[in-house]
Amino acid sequence: MKKSLFVFFASLGLICGLSFDAFAQNRPRGINKRQHNQQKRIYQGVKSGELTPREFFKLEKEQMQIRRMEKRFKSDDELTRRERARLQKELYQASWHIYKQKHDKQDVNLPNQP
C-alpha cells in the first residue's frame, strides 16, 4: 500500500512538473534548465530507491517554493539582476539538498527488478 501510494504521488509530481514547464515559456533559460535538471535528478532518485518518500516530498516542496518565488519575482513582468541572483542561490542550495539526500544511507528497499 505504501509503495503504491508513493508511486502515485511521484507520478503526480512528475505530471505537475512537466505541465508547469509547458506554461513557463517566458522563464530565463538558465533557471528553466536548472529546474528541469533538478526535477530529473529527484525522479531518478525515486526510481533508483535512493530517495525515501519523506525525502521526495521534502525536495518537491523546496522545488515548489522556488517556482513560487520566481512567479512572485516575475509578477511585474521583469526579473531583475538581484532577483535572478536570488533564484540562482536558491537553486544551488536545492541542488545540494538533492545531492545530500541521494547519497545518504537511507534507501528505499525496492524488490529486485529483472
C-alpha atoms as a PDB file:
ATOM      1  CA  MET A   1       0.000   0.000   0.000  1.00  0.00           C
ATOM      2  CA  LYS A   2       2.777   2.428   0.958  1.00  0.00           C
ATOM      3  CA  LYS A   3       4.726   1.693  -2.189  1.00  0.00           C
ATOM      4  CA  SER A   4       1.724   2.187  -4.476  1.00  0.00           C
ATOM      5  CA  LEU A   5       0.861   5.451  -2.705  1.00  0.00           C
ATOM      6  CA  PHE A   6       4.444   6.614  -3.115  1.00  0.00           C
ATOM      7  CA  VAL A   7       4.433   5.716  -6.830  1.00  0.00           C
ATOM      8  CA  PHE A   8       1.128   7.565  -7.255  1.00  0.00           C
ATOM      9  CA  PHE A   9       2.457  10.764  -5.683  1.00  0.00           C
ATOM     10  CA  ALA A  10       5.738  10.508  -7.585  1.00  0.00           C
ATOM     11  CA  SER A  11       3.793  10.202 -10.845  1.00  0.00           C
ATOM     12  CA  LEU A  12       1.550  13.085  -9.872  1.00  0.00           C
ATOM     13  CA  GLY A  13       4.583  15.236  -9.114  1.00  0.00           C
ATOM     14  CA  LEU A  14       6.140  14.361 -12.464  1.00  0.00           C
ATOM     15  CA  ILE A  15       2.971  15.309 -14.330  1.00  0.00           C
ATOM     16  CA  CYS A  16       2.692  18.597 -12.426  1.00  0.00           C
ATOM     17  CA  GLY A  17       6.356  19.378 -13.040  1.00  0.00           C
ATOM     18  CA  LEU A  18       6.097  18.711 -16.755  1.00  0.00           C
ATOM     19  CA  SER A  19       2.888  20.698 -17.132  1.00  0.00           C
ATOM     20  CA  PHE A  20       4.466  23.589 -15.229  1.00  0.00           C
ATOM     21  CA  ASP A  21       7.354  23.626 -17.718  1.00  0.00           C
ATOM     22  CA  ALA A  22       4.885  23.836 -20.591  1.00  0.00           C
ATOM     23  CA  PHE A  23       3.388  27.035 -19.169  1.00  0.00           C
ATOM     24  CA  ALA A  24       6.729  28.574 -18.234  1.00  0.00           C
ATOM     25  CA  GLN A  25       7.839  29.641 -21.696  1.00  0.00           C
ATOM     26  CA  ASN A  26       8.939  33.118 -20.614  1.00  0.00           C
ATOM     27  CA  ARG A  27      11.382  31.948 -17.927  1.00  0.00           C
ATOM     28  CA  PRO A  28      15.075  32.639 -18.355  1.00  0.00           C
ATOM     29  CA  ARG A  29      16.799  29.674 -19.981  1.00  0.00           C
ATOM     30  CA  GLY A  30      19.428  29.133 -17.290  1.00  0.00           C
ATOM     31  CA  ILE A  31      16.910  28.990 -14.475  1.00  0.00           C
ATOM     32  CA  ASN A  32      14.498  26.877 -16.513  1.00  0.00           C
ATOM     33  CA  LYS A  33      17.219  24.382 -17.393  1.00  0.00           C
ATOM     34  CA  ARG A  34      18.444  24.090 -13.790  1.00  0.00           C
ATOM     35  CA  GLN A  35      14.925  23.490 -12.505  1.00  0.00           C
ATOM     36  CA  HIS A  36      14.324  20.861 -15.168  1.00  0.00           C
ATOM     37  CA  ASN A  37      17.611  19.094 -14.368  1.00  0.00           C
ATOM     38  CA  GLN A  38      16.865  19.120 -10.653  1.00  0.00           C
ATOM     39  CA  GLN A  39      13.436  17.648 -11.287  1.00  0.00           C
ATOM     40  CA  LYS A  40      15.031  14.873 -13.347  1.00  0.00           C
ATOM     41  CA  ARG A  41      17.520  14.157 -10.556  1.00  0.00           C
ATOM     42  CA  ILE A  42      14.735  13.891  -7.991  1.00  0.00           C
ATOM     43  CA  TYR A  43      12.730  11.430 -10.108  1.00  0.00           C
ATOM     44  CA  GLN A  44      15.833   9.414 -10.903  1.00  0.00           C
ATOM     45  CA  GLY A  45      16.422   9.154  -7.144  1.00  0.00           C
ATOM     46  CA  VAL A  46      12.869   7.919  -6.614  1.00  0.00           C
ATOM     47  CA  LYS A  47      13.198   5.380  -9.405  1.00  0.00           C
ATOM     48  CA  SER A  48      16.519   4.045  -8.104  1.00  0.00           C
ATOM     49  CA  GLY A  49      15.334   3.933  -4.492  1.00  0.00           C
ATOM     50  CA  GLU A  50      17.932   6.463  -3.311  1.00  0.00           C
ATOM     51  CA  LEU A  51      15.174   8.774  -2.045  1.00  0.00           C
ATOM     52  CA  THR A  52      12.647   7.797   0.598  1.00  0.00           C
ATOM     53  CA  PRO A  53       9.081   9.096   0.284  1.00  0.00           C
ATOM     54  CA  ARG A  54       9.767  11.648   3.011  1.00  0.00           C
ATOM     55  CA  GLU A  55      12.898  12.903   1.242  1.00  0.00           C
ATOM     56  CA  PHE A  56      10.995  13.055  -2.051  1.00  0.00           C
ATOM     57  CA  PHE A  57       8.211  15.207  -0.592  1.00  0.00           C
ATOM     58  CA  LYS A  58      10.697  17.497   1.139  1.00  0.00           C
ATOM     59  CA  LEU A  59      12.639  18.059  -2.091  1.00  0.00           C
ATOM     60  CA  GLU A  60       9.443  18.581  -4.091  1.00  0.00           C
ATOM     61  CA  LYS A  61       8.260  21.152  -1.568  1.00  0.00           C
ATOM     62  CA  GLU A  62      11.541  23.016  -1.959  1.00  0.00           C
ATOM     63  CA  GLN A  63      11.172  22.999  -5.750  1.00  0.00           C
ATOM     64  CA  MET A  64       7.622  24.336  -5.433  1.00  0.00           C
ATOM     65  CA  GLN A  65       8.813  27.158  -3.176  1.00  0.00           C
ATOM     66  CA  ILE A  66      11.422  28.155  -5.760  1.00  0.00           C
ATOM     67  CA  ARG A  67       8.786  28.188  -8.509  1.00  0.00           C
ATOM     68  CA  ARG A  68       6.537  30.358  -6.341  1.00  0.00           C
ATOM     69  CA  MET A  69       9.410  32.734  -5.633  1.00  0.00           C
ATOM     70  CA  GLU A  70      10.126  33.003  -9.332  1.00  0.00           C
ATOM     71  CA  LYS A  71       6.476  33.691 -10.082  1.00  0.00           C
ATOM     72  CA  ARG A  72       6.400  36.390  -7.409  1.00  0.00           C
ATOM     73  CA  PHE A  73       9.580  37.975  -8.793  1.00  0.00           C
ATOM     74  CA  LYS A  74       8.145  37.970 -12.311  1.00  0.00           C
ATOM     75  CA  SER A  75       4.766  39.387 -11.282  1.00  0.00           C
ATOM     76  CA  ASP A  76       5.869  42.813 -12.563  1.00  0.00           C
ATOM     77  CA  ASP A  77       6.991  41.280 -15.919  1.00  0.00           C
ATOM     78  CA  GLU A  78      10.654  41.852 -15.110  1.00  0.00           C
ATOM     79  CA  LEU A  79      13.287  39.735 -13.444  1.00  0.00           C
ATOM     80  CA  THR A  80      15.971  41.996 -12.015  1.00  0.00           C
ATOM     81  CA  ARG A  81      19.608  41.045 -11.660  1.00  0.00           C
ATOM     82  CA  ARG A  82      19.164  40.771  -7.887  1.00  0.00           C
ATOM     83  CA  GLU A  83      16.098  38.542  -8.247  1.00  0.00           C
ATOM     84  CA  ARG A  84      17.901  36.319 -10.749  1.00  0.00           C
ATOM     85  CA  ALA A  85      20.849  36.010  -8.343  1.00  0.00           C
ATOM     86  CA  ARG A  86      18.487  35.059  -5.505  1.00  0.00           C
ATOM     87  CA  LEU A  87      16.851  32.382  -7.659  1.00  0.00           C
ATOM     88  CA  GLN A  88      20.254  31.010  -8.658  1.00  0.00           C
ATOM     89  CA  LYS A  89      21.274  30.859  -4.994  1.00  0.00           C
ATOM     90  CA  GLU A  90      18.082  29.002  -4.062  1.00  0.00           C
ATOM     91  CA  LEU A  91      18.588  26.586  -6.959  1.00  0.00           C
ATOM     92  CA  TYR A  92      22.183  25.964  -5.872  1.00  0.00           C
ATOM     93  CA  GLN A  93      21.033  25.154  -2.332  1.00  0.00           C
ATOM     94  CA  ALA A  94      18.281  22.887  -3.667  1.00  0.00           C
ATOM     95  CA  SER A  95      20.839  21.082  -5.819  1.00  0.00           C
ATOM     96  CA  TRP A  96      22.994  20.489  -2.754  1.00  0.00           C
ATOM     97  CA  HIS A  97      19.980  19.169  -0.824  1.00  0.00           C
ATOM     98  CA  ILE A  98      19.195  16.739  -3.655  1.00  0.00           C
ATOM     99  CA  TYR A  99      22.782  15.506  -3.640  1.00  0.00           C
ATOM    100  CA  LYS A 100      22.830  15.036   0.136  1.00  0.00           C
ATOM    101  CA  GLN A 101      19.539  13.142   0.189  1.00  0.00           C
ATOM    102  CA  LYS A 102      20.505  10.878  -2.697  1.00  0.00           C
ATOM    103  CA  HIS A 103      23.835   9.987  -1.110  1.00  0.00           C
ATOM    104  CA  ASP A 104      22.794   9.432   2.488  1.00  0.00           C
ATOM    105  CA  LYS A 105      22.392   5.953   3.919  1.00  0.00           C
ATOM    106  CA  GLN A 106      18.594   5.984   3.733  1.00  0.00           C
ATOM    107  CA  ASP A 107      17.389   3.990   0.764  1.00  0.00           C
ATOM    108  CA  VAL A 108      14.039   2.522  -0.136  1.00  0.00           C
ATOM    109  CA  ASN A 109      14.320  -1.241  -0.346  1.00  0.00           C
ATOM    110  CA  LEU A 110      12.925  -1.932  -3.783  1.00  0.00           C
ATOM    111  CA  PRO A 111      12.401  -5.530  -4.895  1.00  0.00           C
ATOM    112  CA  ASN A 112      14.989  -6.808  -7.348  1.00  0.00           C
ATOM    113  CA  GLN A 113      13.986  -5.975 -10.876  1.00  0.00           C
ATOM    114  CA  PRO A 114      14.901  -8.242 -13.793  1.00  0.00           C
END
